[in-house]
Amino acid sequence: MAYSDAGQLEAPIFSSPVLMFDGASVGTSNRNTPEDATLTLKQVKRTIAGYRPSIVDSPVVSVSTDEIEVTINREDEISVPFSISNGGESGLVWDIDFDFPGATVNKTRAKAGLKTMQPELMENTIGIPANHSFHSEKARKGLKTEEVLYSTSFENFPTGEFSGYDNWTVLSGSPFEIVSGSGSDGNRNLRITHDGTSNTQFISAPFFGYQPFGNYELSVDFSISGVEVNSEVYDFYFFDGENGEFSSGVIISEGTIFAADLGENDQLQFFGTNAVVPPNTYNTLKIVYNVEDEVIEYYLNGTPIYEAGFLNGKTPSEMRVLQRNEATSGTRIDVDNFELKQLNTPYRWLSVENMSGVAFEEETNEATLNFNSTGLTAGTYETTLVVRTNDPENRVIEVPVTLSVNDVVSNEMATTPEAVTLGQNYPNPFNPTTTINYTLKQAGEVQIEIFNMQGQKVATLMNENKGAGDYEVNFDAANLASGIYVYRLQAGTTTLTKKMALIK
C-alpha cells in the first residue's frame, strides 16, 4: 500500500507504455509512446514482470519521553526540551495540545426549576478546510500571553445585500445585509432580518482554525429589534473544530438568555438565566473558557449570568448566528464587533515553545516545555501532554506531565553554581538511612543510582528534571546487606561517583 504525505492510502503509480496483445491494449498510456505501438506477447510478459508498484511508507512517529516529571522550588522556573521524530518515509505532521487531568470535565450543578430550551441545527461543523494543520497559525506559535486570534467589526465589508464575504458563509435564508450607521460604534454591522418565512436563517463565521486546549474569551455586540422582538428566538453557537462538537452558546428567547450546559443523561440543553436582553440597543455577550476552574463563564454587559461545565467540545473554532423566524416579519438581529482571543496558556505554570511542525523522513523536531512556579503553593500539579499526528498507527500520543513544587522559595539573587558537585553522604557510615547533597550548574535531567561492589544497580534515587541549584536526596538501605556501596550522579555530560559504608 502507498501513503501520501498526509498518511492517506493512495493507489500505486503505474507508468508503463501502451501494451498491445491480439489488437487490444494492455496497461496504461505513456505520452512518449505512439498510440498504435504494438508489443509481442513476450514483450508484454517481460514488461509486466518488471513492473513494481510505487510504495511509500506512512510516517512513523516517536516521542523522546513517555513521562515528564519536574521538581523545582517556589518562585522558580525550568525548561525541559523533548523531541518528536519521524522514522517513516512520508512527512509527519504533529501538533501539541493539553487535556484535563481528570477523567471528566463536566460539573454537576443543581438546575431544578430552570426553564430549558432545545438547540436547533446542531449538526457538526461545516466548511472546515480539507488540508489543514491541527491548530491555527497563531496558535502554533505557542502563545504565552493574551493575543487576539480573530476579530471583525465589518468595516471592510461592502454594504448592501450580503451573500458571503471574507469567509463568512450564508447557510440558510435571506435577506442578510451589511448596513452602515447602525453598528455598536456607529459604523457598519451585519444585519439578519426576518425573511417572511418560518425557516431558520443562519450564517457561519470563518473557521478560526483548530485552537489548542486553553483559556479563551469570545465577545460579540448584538442588538435585537422589531415589532415583536421578544417573541423571536436568536442563537449564538460555537463549535470545537477538532471533533465537530458543540462547545458553548446561548439562545435568546422571550428577551431572556439561555446558556448551554449538560442536563439529565448528559444531554445538551440550554438553561434559563436571569439575564434580560434590552431590545433596540446594543448588548455585549462574553463567553470565557476557564480551564483552571473547569468552567465556561457567561457574561452580559459585563455582569456574570451563568457558569457551565465544559462540554464535549473544549475550544472555539467556528461561530454560527441564527434567527428562528418565530415572530412577525421585520424582526431582526444586528451583529457587530466579534472577537476571539486566547487569554493565556492552559496552565499558568506551564507553557510550550514550538507547538506544531512537520518532520520529514528520518528527521527530528524539537519542542520545549517551560515550567514556572511563580505564585504557586507547594504541591503537585499534573496534566497530560497530547501529541496529535498523521501517523495512522499513532494518531494520539499522551505523555503525563507532573510538576512538584517544594515549599522553599528560590533566591533569585543567589549566584548560579559554577559546577556540578556531589557531596559525601552523611552520616557515613550509616544505618539504614543517609542523605546525599548535590549541586547542579544548569537545569536538566538528573539521575542518581546506587551500585554494590560487583557493579550491580541496587537502587535509583533520582531520575527527573531539576533546575540549577543545591539539592539533597535521602537513601534508605533497610533492605540491603552491610557493605560498601557506590552512588553515582549523572547530569548532562557530567558523571560523579562516591563511596559510602552501610553497617548494620
Protein backbone atom coordinates (compact mmCIF):
# COMPACT_ATOMS: atom_id res chain seq x y z
CA MET A 1 0.00 0.00 0.00
CA ALA A 2 1.11 3.54 -0.62
CA TYR A 3 0.66 6.61 1.52
CA SER A 4 0.59 10.27 0.70
CA ASP A 5 2.42 12.78 2.88
CA ALA A 6 -0.78 13.11 4.87
CA GLY A 7 -0.78 9.39 5.60
CA GLN A 8 -3.72 8.62 3.31
CA LEU A 9 -3.87 5.48 1.21
CA GLU A 10 -3.13 6.00 -2.47
CA ALA A 11 -3.16 3.70 -5.47
CA PRO A 12 0.27 2.65 -6.77
CA ILE A 13 1.60 4.59 -9.74
CA PHE A 14 1.73 2.55 -12.96
CA SER A 15 3.66 4.27 -15.74
CA SER A 16 4.31 1.61 -18.39
CA PRO A 17 3.72 2.38 -22.10
CA VAL A 18 0.68 1.19 -24.03
CA LEU A 19 0.82 -2.60 -24.29
CA MET A 20 -0.99 -4.36 -27.14
CA PHE A 21 -1.94 -8.04 -27.42
CA ASP A 22 -4.27 -9.52 -30.05
CA GLY A 23 -5.21 -6.00 -31.06
CA ALA A 24 -6.31 -4.96 -27.55
CA SER A 25 -4.41 -2.58 -25.28
CA VAL A 26 -2.91 -3.80 -22.02
CA GLY A 27 -1.66 -1.39 -19.32
CA THR A 28 -1.75 2.41 -19.35
CA SER A 29 -0.69 5.15 -21.71
CA ASN A 30 2.61 6.95 -21.84
CA ARG A 31 2.73 10.20 -23.80
CA ASN A 32 6.13 9.25 -25.24
CA THR A 33 4.79 6.05 -26.81
CA PRO A 34 2.74 6.12 -30.03
CA GLU A 35 -0.90 5.12 -29.55
CA ASP A 36 -0.58 2.32 -32.11
CA ALA A 37 2.52 0.80 -30.53
CA THR A 38 2.27 -2.98 -30.64
CA LEU A 39 4.33 -5.33 -28.49
CA THR A 40 4.73 -9.05 -28.78
CA LEU A 41 3.38 -11.36 -26.09
CA LYS A 42 6.95 -11.94 -24.90
CA GLN A 43 7.47 -8.19 -24.57
CA VAL A 44 4.18 -7.83 -22.71
CA LYS A 45 5.15 -10.54 -20.22
CA ARG A 46 8.62 -9.05 -19.75
CA THR A 47 7.17 -5.58 -19.13
CA ILE A 48 4.56 -6.82 -16.66
CA ALA A 49 7.13 -8.98 -14.86
CA GLY A 50 9.35 -5.92 -14.46
CA TYR A 51 6.54 -3.78 -13.05
CA ARG A 52 6.94 -2.73 -9.44
CA PRO A 53 4.30 -0.65 -7.65
CA SER A 54 5.41 2.62 -6.10
CA ILE A 55 5.28 2.11 -2.35
CA VAL A 56 5.82 4.91 0.17
CA ASP A 57 5.70 4.08 3.85
CA SER A 58 3.48 6.07 6.19
CA PRO A 59 5.07 8.41 8.72
CA VAL A 60 6.23 6.70 11.93
CA VAL A 61 6.22 8.93 14.99
CA SER A 62 8.27 8.56 18.16
CA VAL A 63 8.46 10.89 21.15
CA SER A 64 11.68 11.04 23.17
CA THR A 65 9.93 10.58 26.51
CA ASP A 66 6.87 8.76 27.81
CA GLU A 67 6.65 10.80 31.02
CA ILE A 68 7.87 14.21 32.18
CA GLU A 69 8.44 14.82 35.90
CA VAL A 70 9.93 18.05 37.20
CA THR A 71 10.73 19.22 40.74
CA ILE A 72 11.53 22.87 41.47
CA ASN A 73 11.29 25.33 44.35
CA ARG A 74 8.66 28.03 44.63
CA GLU A 75 9.27 31.19 42.58
CA ASP A 76 11.47 29.21 40.19
CA GLU A 77 11.42 28.11 36.56
CA ILE A 78 12.92 25.43 34.34
CA SER A 79 12.77 24.47 30.65
CA VAL A 80 12.59 20.84 29.55
CA PRO A 81 13.29 20.01 25.89
CA PHE A 82 11.96 16.90 24.18
CA SER A 83 11.88 15.67 20.60
CA ILE A 84 9.40 14.28 18.08
CA SER A 85 10.93 12.09 15.38
CA ASN A 86 9.78 10.53 12.13
CA GLY A 87 11.06 7.07 11.22
CA GLY A 88 8.92 6.75 8.08
CA GLU A 89 9.22 7.97 4.51
CA SER A 90 6.22 10.34 4.42
CA GLY A 91 6.09 13.72 6.11
CA LEU A 92 4.98 13.61 9.75
CA VAL A 93 2.57 16.40 10.75
CA TRP A 94 2.33 16.90 14.51
CA ASP A 95 0.70 19.27 16.98
CA ILE A 96 0.93 19.59 20.75
CA ASP A 97 -2.07 20.07 22.97
CA PHE A 98 -3.08 19.55 26.61
CA ASP A 99 -6.02 17.84 28.23
CA PHE A 100 -7.74 17.92 31.57
CA PRO A 101 -6.01 15.76 34.20
CA GLY A 102 -9.34 14.32 35.34
CA ALA A 103 -11.46 11.67 33.65
CA THR A 104 -14.37 14.04 33.16
CA VAL A 105 -14.73 17.79 32.90
CA ASN A 106 -18.47 18.15 33.22
CA LYS A 107 -19.51 19.61 36.55
CA THR A 108 -22.83 18.60 38.07
CA ARG A 109 -24.96 21.57 39.06
CA ALA A 110 -28.39 21.94 40.59
CA LYS A 111 -30.65 23.10 37.77
CA ALA A 112 -34.04 22.26 39.23
CA GLY A 113 -36.71 24.78 38.34
CA LEU A 114 -34.77 26.39 35.49
CA LYS A 115 -36.55 26.76 32.18
CA THR A 116 -34.83 24.94 29.33
CA MET A 117 -34.72 25.20 25.55
CA GLN A 118 -33.52 22.80 22.89
CA PRO A 119 -30.87 23.75 20.32
CA GLU A 120 -31.59 23.85 16.62
CA LEU A 121 -29.49 22.81 13.62
CA MET A 122 -26.81 21.18 15.74
CA GLU A 123 -25.11 19.05 13.10
CA ASN A 124 -21.32 19.02 13.03
CA THR A 125 -19.35 21.99 11.76
CA ILE A 126 -19.10 22.59 8.05
CA GLY A 127 -16.66 24.38 5.85
CA ILE A 128 -13.55 23.22 7.72
CA PRO A 129 -10.63 23.24 5.26
CA ALA A 130 -9.72 19.79 3.99
CA ASN A 131 -5.98 20.43 4.18
CA HIS A 132 -5.00 21.97 7.47
CA SER A 133 -2.68 21.73 10.38
CA PHE A 134 -4.44 20.87 13.60
CA HIS A 135 -4.10 24.39 15.00
CA SER A 136 -4.46 27.90 13.68
CA GLU A 137 -1.31 29.67 12.52
CA LYS A 138 -1.15 31.93 15.56
CA ALA A 139 -1.88 29.08 17.94
CA ARG A 140 1.08 27.11 16.60
CA LYS A 141 3.48 29.75 17.91
CA GLY A 142 2.88 28.63 21.47
CA LEU A 143 1.12 31.68 22.89
CA LYS A 144 2.15 32.71 26.38
CA THR A 145 0.17 35.94 26.76
CA GLU A 146 -3.17 37.32 25.65
CA GLU A 147 -3.49 37.53 21.88
CA VAL A 148 -6.41 38.16 19.52
CA LEU A 149 -6.93 35.21 17.17
CA TYR A 150 -9.79 36.68 15.11
CA SER A 151 -11.78 39.90 15.13
CA THR A 152 -14.03 41.87 12.82
CA SER A 153 -16.17 44.99 13.02
CA PHE A 154 -17.39 44.50 9.41
CA GLU A 155 -15.80 47.82 8.39
CA ASN A 156 -14.16 46.35 5.28
CA PHE A 157 -17.32 44.50 4.18
CA PRO A 158 -19.20 46.00 1.19
CA THR A 159 -22.56 47.46 2.18
CA GLY A 160 -25.83 46.13 0.81
CA GLU A 161 -27.24 42.65 0.37
CA PHE A 162 -24.89 40.09 1.85
CA SER A 163 -24.39 36.58 0.46
CA GLY A 164 -20.92 35.98 1.88
CA TYR A 165 -17.60 37.77 2.22
CA ASP A 166 -14.21 37.19 3.84
CA ASN A 167 -15.12 33.53 4.54
CA TRP A 168 -18.42 34.39 6.22
CA THR A 169 -20.99 32.00 4.74
CA VAL A 170 -24.77 32.32 4.49
CA LEU A 171 -26.11 28.84 5.20
CA SER A 172 -29.86 29.37 5.07
CA GLY A 173 -32.39 32.12 4.40
CA SER A 174 -32.29 35.76 3.32
CA PRO A 175 -32.02 38.72 3.45
CA PHE A 176 -28.67 39.31 5.08
CA GLU A 177 -27.20 42.79 4.87
CA ILE A 178 -24.16 44.85 5.73
CA VAL A 179 -25.65 48.14 6.87
CA SER A 180 -23.94 51.42 7.58
CA GLY A 181 -24.53 53.77 10.50
CA SER A 182 -26.22 51.27 12.82
CA GLY A 183 -23.24 49.45 14.31
CA SER A 184 -22.46 49.48 18.01
CA ASP A 185 -19.84 52.14 17.27
CA GLY A 186 -21.97 53.92 14.65
CA ASN A 187 -20.32 52.22 11.68
CA ARG A 188 -21.05 49.06 9.67
CA ASN A 189 -22.54 45.86 11.03
CA LEU A 190 -24.12 42.59 9.92
CA ARG A 191 -27.94 42.50 9.95
CA ILE A 192 -30.21 39.45 9.76
CA THR A 193 -33.85 40.38 9.07
CA HIS A 194 -36.86 38.04 9.27
CA ASP A 195 -37.29 36.80 5.68
CA GLY A 196 -41.07 36.37 5.86
CA THR A 197 -40.91 32.59 6.18
CA SER A 198 -40.87 30.23 9.14
CA ASN A 199 -37.46 28.90 8.14
CA THR A 200 -34.48 29.47 10.38
CA GLN A 201 -31.89 31.85 8.95
CA PHE A 202 -28.32 31.20 9.90
CA ILE A 203 -24.85 32.31 8.96
CA SER A 204 -21.38 30.93 9.74
CA ALA A 205 -18.31 32.96 10.63
CA PRO A 206 -14.94 31.89 9.19
CA PHE A 207 -13.32 28.74 10.52
CA PHE A 208 -10.90 30.21 13.06
CA GLY A 209 -8.54 27.23 12.96
CA TYR A 210 -8.19 24.38 15.43
CA GLN A 211 -7.35 26.00 18.74
CA PRO A 212 -5.17 24.28 21.34
CA PHE A 213 -6.63 23.48 24.73
CA GLY A 214 -6.54 26.70 26.76
CA ASN A 215 -8.32 29.75 28.14
CA TYR A 216 -10.35 31.76 25.64
CA GLU A 217 -12.65 34.75 25.59
CA LEU A 218 -15.36 35.32 22.98
CA SER A 219 -17.18 38.63 22.77
CA VAL A 220 -19.80 39.95 20.36
CA ASP A 221 -22.04 43.02 20.31
CA PHE A 222 -25.64 42.45 19.24
CA SER A 223 -28.96 44.27 19.13
CA ILE A 224 -32.43 42.74 18.72
CA SER A 225 -35.31 44.87 17.43
CA GLY A 226 -38.64 44.77 15.60
CA VAL A 227 -42.39 44.77 16.18
CA GLU A 228 -42.43 41.56 18.22
CA VAL A 229 -38.76 41.48 19.16
CA ASN A 230 -39.27 39.44 22.35
CA SER A 231 -41.27 36.77 20.51
CA GLU A 232 -38.33 35.95 18.26
CA VAL A 233 -35.61 33.39 19.02
CA TYR A 234 -31.93 34.16 18.33
CA ASP A 235 -28.96 31.82 18.79
CA PHE A 236 -25.17 32.09 19.02
CA TYR A 237 -23.40 28.71 18.71
CA PHE A 238 -19.69 27.91 18.99
CA PHE A 239 -18.10 24.65 17.84
CA ASP A 240 -14.83 22.84 18.54
CA GLY A 241 -13.29 22.20 15.13
CA GLU A 242 -11.17 19.28 16.27
CA ASN A 243 -14.11 16.95 16.79
CA GLY A 244 -17.03 18.96 15.40
CA GLU A 245 -18.65 19.09 18.84
CA PHE A 246 -20.65 21.97 20.27
CA SER A 247 -18.59 23.81 22.91
CA SER A 248 -20.63 26.84 24.06
CA GLY A 249 -23.54 29.06 23.11
CA VAL A 250 -26.68 30.94 24.07
CA ILE A 251 -30.30 31.17 22.96
CA ILE A 252 -32.23 34.43 23.38
CA SER A 253 -35.95 33.72 23.77
CA GLU A 254 -38.67 36.00 25.11
CA GLY A 255 -35.93 38.51 25.82
CA THR A 256 -34.12 36.12 28.20
CA ILE A 257 -30.75 34.41 27.73
CA PHE A 258 -30.50 30.61 27.95
CA ALA A 259 -26.94 29.21 28.31
CA ALA A 260 -25.63 25.85 27.08
CA ASP A 261 -24.94 23.13 29.65
CA LEU A 262 -25.44 19.41 30.16
CA GLY A 263 -28.71 18.23 31.67
CA GLU A 264 -30.01 14.78 32.54
CA ASN A 265 -28.17 11.88 30.90
CA ASP A 266 -25.50 14.37 29.80
CA GLN A 267 -27.79 15.74 27.10
CA LEU A 268 -27.08 19.22 25.78
CA GLN A 269 -29.71 21.74 26.87
CA PHE A 270 -29.96 25.49 27.25
CA PHE A 271 -30.82 26.61 30.78
CA GLY A 272 -32.60 29.85 31.59
CA THR A 273 -30.71 32.64 33.32
CA ASN A 274 -31.99 35.79 34.97
CA ALA A 275 -30.40 37.91 32.26
CA VAL A 276 -32.89 40.02 30.30
CA VAL A 277 -31.75 41.48 26.97
CA PRO A 278 -32.89 45.09 26.46
CA PRO A 279 -34.23 45.48 22.89
CA ASN A 280 -33.31 48.25 20.44
CA THR A 281 -29.87 48.76 21.95
CA TYR A 282 -26.51 47.04 21.68
CA ASN A 283 -25.54 44.46 24.29
CA THR A 284 -22.23 42.66 24.75
CA LEU A 285 -22.20 38.89 25.16
CA LYS A 286 -18.96 37.44 26.52
CA ILE A 287 -18.10 33.75 26.96
CA VAL A 288 -14.94 32.76 28.85
CA TYR A 289 -13.38 29.27 28.69
CA ASN A 290 -11.76 28.93 32.13
CA VAL A 291 -9.58 25.83 32.10
CA GLU A 292 -8.12 26.01 35.60
CA ASP A 293 -11.59 26.11 37.20
CA GLU A 294 -13.00 23.78 34.51
CA VAL A 295 -15.95 26.07 33.77
CA ILE A 296 -17.36 28.19 30.97
CA GLU A 297 -18.49 31.60 32.21
CA TYR A 298 -21.21 33.66 30.53
CA TYR A 299 -21.49 37.46 30.86
CA LEU A 300 -23.99 40.02 29.58
CA ASN A 301 -22.83 43.64 29.54
CA GLY A 302 -20.05 42.77 31.98
CA THR A 303 -22.31 41.00 34.51
CA PRO A 304 -21.86 37.24 35.11
CA ILE A 305 -25.09 35.40 34.26
CA TYR A 306 -24.25 31.67 34.18
CA GLU A 307 -21.47 29.16 34.83
CA ALA A 308 -21.42 25.85 32.94
CA GLY A 309 -19.17 22.82 32.87
CA PHE A 310 -17.09 22.07 29.80
CA LEU A 311 -19.00 20.15 27.13
CA ASN A 312 -17.68 17.58 24.66
CA GLY A 313 -16.11 20.40 22.68
CA LYS A 314 -13.48 22.31 24.67
CA THR A 315 -12.33 25.10 22.35
CA PRO A 316 -13.98 27.64 20.00
CA SER A 317 -13.19 27.16 16.31
CA GLU A 318 -16.36 28.26 14.50
CA MET A 319 -19.36 30.53 15.21
CA ARG A 320 -22.91 30.45 13.87
CA VAL A 321 -25.62 33.08 14.33
CA LEU A 322 -29.26 32.01 13.95
CA GLN A 323 -32.65 33.72 13.78
CA ARG A 324 -35.50 31.22 14.01
CA ASN A 325 -38.25 33.42 12.48
CA GLU A 326 -40.93 32.62 15.02
CA ALA A 327 -42.24 36.20 15.25
CA THR A 328 -43.59 38.81 12.86
CA SER A 329 -41.75 39.62 9.67
CA GLY A 330 -39.42 42.55 10.25
CA THR A 331 -37.79 41.45 13.49
CA ARG A 332 -34.02 41.46 13.21
CA ILE A 333 -30.70 40.98 14.93
CA ASP A 334 -27.70 43.26 14.34
CA VAL A 335 -24.23 41.81 15.00
CA ASP A 336 -21.03 43.81 15.41
CA ASN A 337 -17.50 43.68 16.87
CA PHE A 338 -16.90 39.96 17.15
CA GLU A 339 -13.59 38.95 18.76
CA LEU A 340 -11.91 35.69 19.76
CA LYS A 341 -8.76 35.80 21.85
CA GLN A 342 -6.64 33.36 23.79
CA LEU A 343 -6.17 34.68 27.31
CA ASN A 344 -3.08 32.62 28.16
CA THR A 345 -1.83 29.07 28.09
CA PRO A 346 -3.99 26.41 29.79
CA TYR A 347 -1.91 26.37 32.95
CA ARG A 348 -0.10 29.35 34.42
CA TRP A 349 2.69 27.01 35.50
CA LEU A 350 3.28 25.50 32.04
CA SER A 351 3.80 26.79 28.50
CA VAL A 352 5.12 25.33 25.25
CA GLU A 353 7.57 26.53 22.65
CA ASN A 354 7.04 25.12 19.15
CA MET A 355 3.55 23.62 19.32
CA SER A 356 3.38 22.29 15.76
CA GLY A 357 5.65 21.11 13.00
CA VAL A 358 6.44 18.77 10.12
CA ALA A 359 9.22 16.18 10.34
CA PHE A 360 10.33 14.69 7.05
CA GLU A 361 11.96 11.29 6.53
CA GLU A 362 14.31 10.39 9.42
CA GLU A 363 14.01 13.94 10.76
CA THR A 364 13.63 15.10 14.37
CA ASN A 365 11.82 18.24 15.58
CA GLU A 366 12.42 19.83 18.96
CA ALA A 367 9.89 21.28 21.39
CA THR A 368 10.25 22.72 24.89
CA LEU A 369 8.06 22.75 27.99
CA ASN A 370 8.57 25.79 30.24
CA PHE A 371 7.68 25.30 33.91
CA ASN A 372 7.20 28.30 36.21
CA SER A 373 6.26 28.03 39.90
CA THR A 374 5.78 31.77 40.46
CA GLY A 375 2.73 32.29 42.65
CA LEU A 376 2.18 28.56 43.21
CA THR A 377 1.89 26.92 46.61
CA ALA A 378 3.90 23.82 47.41
CA GLY A 379 2.35 20.69 45.98
CA THR A 380 1.92 18.60 42.85
CA TYR A 381 0.48 19.86 39.56
CA GLU A 382 -0.48 17.48 36.77
CA THR A 383 -1.73 17.47 33.21
CA THR A 384 -1.42 15.37 30.06
CA LEU A 385 0.61 16.45 27.06
CA VAL A 386 -1.19 15.30 23.90
CA VAL A 387 0.77 14.88 20.66
CA ARG A 388 -1.53 14.53 17.63
CA THR A 389 -0.02 13.20 14.41
CA ASN A 390 -0.87 11.85 10.97
CA ASP A 391 0.85 8.53 11.72
CA PRO A 392 -2.00 6.05 11.05
CA GLU A 393 -0.72 3.79 13.83
CA ASN A 394 -0.26 6.56 16.42
CA ARG A 395 -2.78 9.33 15.86
CA VAL A 396 -2.59 10.43 19.50
CA ILE A 397 0.29 10.03 21.97
CA GLU A 398 -0.31 11.00 25.59
CA VAL A 399 2.57 11.97 27.89
CA PRO A 400 1.80 12.52 31.61
CA VAL A 401 3.34 15.74 32.95
CA THR A 402 3.95 16.33 36.67
CA LEU A 403 5.36 19.41 38.39
CA SER A 404 6.32 19.08 42.06
CA VAL A 405 6.87 22.37 43.87
CA ASN A 406 8.95 22.35 47.06
CA ASP A 407 7.99 24.55 49.99
CA VAL A 408 11.22 26.50 49.60
CA VAL A 409 11.47 29.88 47.90
CA SER A 410 14.29 30.15 45.37
CA ASN A 411 16.65 33.08 45.91
CA GLU A 412 16.81 34.81 42.54
CA MET A 413 19.81 36.85 43.71
CA ALA A 414 21.83 33.77 44.57
CA THR A 415 24.85 33.04 42.40
CA THR A 416 24.33 30.28 39.88
CA PRO A 417 26.54 27.29 40.78
CA GLU A 418 29.69 27.17 38.68
CA ALA A 419 29.89 23.38 38.53
CA VAL A 420 28.05 20.13 39.16
CA THR A 421 29.07 18.72 42.55
CA LEU A 422 28.30 15.57 44.52
CA GLY A 423 28.75 15.72 48.28
CA GLN A 424 29.76 12.96 50.68
CA ASN A 425 26.75 11.30 52.21
CA TYR A 426 26.03 11.92 55.89
CA PRO A 427 26.10 10.22 58.23
CA ASN A 428 28.75 7.86 56.91
CA PRO A 429 28.90 5.04 57.90
CA PHE A 430 25.11 4.87 58.20
CA ASN A 431 22.31 2.53 59.29
CA PRO A 432 19.93 2.39 57.49
CA THR A 433 19.32 5.95 56.15
CA THR A 434 21.64 8.65 54.88
CA THR A 435 21.46 11.95 52.98
CA ILE A 436 23.27 12.88 49.76
CA ASN A 437 23.82 16.52 48.71
CA TYR A 438 24.41 17.63 45.15
CA THR A 439 24.59 20.86 43.14
CA LEU A 440 23.52 21.49 39.54
CA LYS A 441 25.12 24.15 37.36
CA GLN A 442 22.16 24.30 34.99
CA ALA A 443 18.70 22.86 34.53
CA GLY A 444 18.41 19.41 33.06
CA GLU A 445 17.80 15.73 33.64
CA VAL A 446 19.43 14.27 36.77
CA GLN A 447 19.96 10.62 37.64
CA ILE A 448 21.31 9.25 40.95
CA GLU A 449 21.82 5.48 41.24
CA ILE A 450 23.28 3.11 43.86
CA PHE A 451 25.56 0.15 42.97
CA ASN A 452 27.14 -2.64 45.00
CA MET A 453 30.83 -3.50 44.65
CA GLN A 454 30.00 -6.08 41.97
CA GLY A 455 28.66 -3.27 39.76
CA GLN A 456 25.02 -4.31 40.16
CA LYS A 457 22.50 -1.49 40.45
CA VAL A 458 20.53 -1.83 43.68
CA ALA A 459 18.52 1.41 43.72
CA THR A 460 17.58 4.51 41.70
CA LEU A 461 17.14 7.59 43.90
CA MET A 462 16.52 10.21 41.23
CA ASN A 463 15.59 10.28 37.54
CA GLU A 464 13.90 13.56 36.67
CA ASN A 465 14.43 17.14 35.53
CA LYS A 466 15.76 19.69 38.01
CA GLY A 467 16.59 23.38 37.90
CA ALA A 468 20.01 24.81 38.71
CA GLY A 469 20.72 24.92 42.47
CA ASP A 470 21.50 22.91 45.59
CA TYR A 471 19.59 19.73 46.43
CA GLU A 472 19.58 16.75 48.75
CA VAL A 473 18.11 13.28 48.49
CA ASN A 474 17.61 10.60 51.15
CA PHE A 475 18.58 6.94 50.78
CA ASP A 476 17.04 4.12 52.83
CA ALA A 477 19.10 0.90 52.74
CA ALA A 478 16.92 -1.13 55.09
CA ASN A 479 16.64 -3.94 52.53
CA LEU A 480 20.37 -4.11 51.75
CA ALA A 481 23.17 -6.03 53.44
CA SER A 482 26.08 -4.34 55.18
CA GLY A 483 28.93 -3.36 52.90
CA ILE A 484 30.48 -0.69 50.69
CA TYR A 485 28.24 0.89 48.05
CA VAL A 486 28.86 3.38 45.23
CA TYR A 487 26.47 6.21 44.46
CA ARG A 488 26.64 7.84 41.03
CA LEU A 489 25.24 11.16 39.78
CA GLN A 490 24.70 11.85 36.08
CA ALA A 491 23.75 15.38 34.96
CA GLY A 492 24.17 16.26 31.30
CA THR A 493 27.68 15.22 30.29
CA THR A 494 28.90 15.12 33.91
CA THR A 495 29.22 11.85 35.87
CA LEU A 496 30.37 11.84 39.53
CA THR A 497 30.71 8.91 41.96
CA LYS A 498 31.44 8.43 45.66
CA LYS A 499 31.52 5.52 48.12
CA MET A 500 29.54 5.01 51.32
CA ALA A 501 29.51 2.37 54.05
CA LEU A 502 26.40 0.62 55.35
CA ILE A 503 26.99 -1.01 58.76
CA LYS A 504 24.16 -2.88 60.44
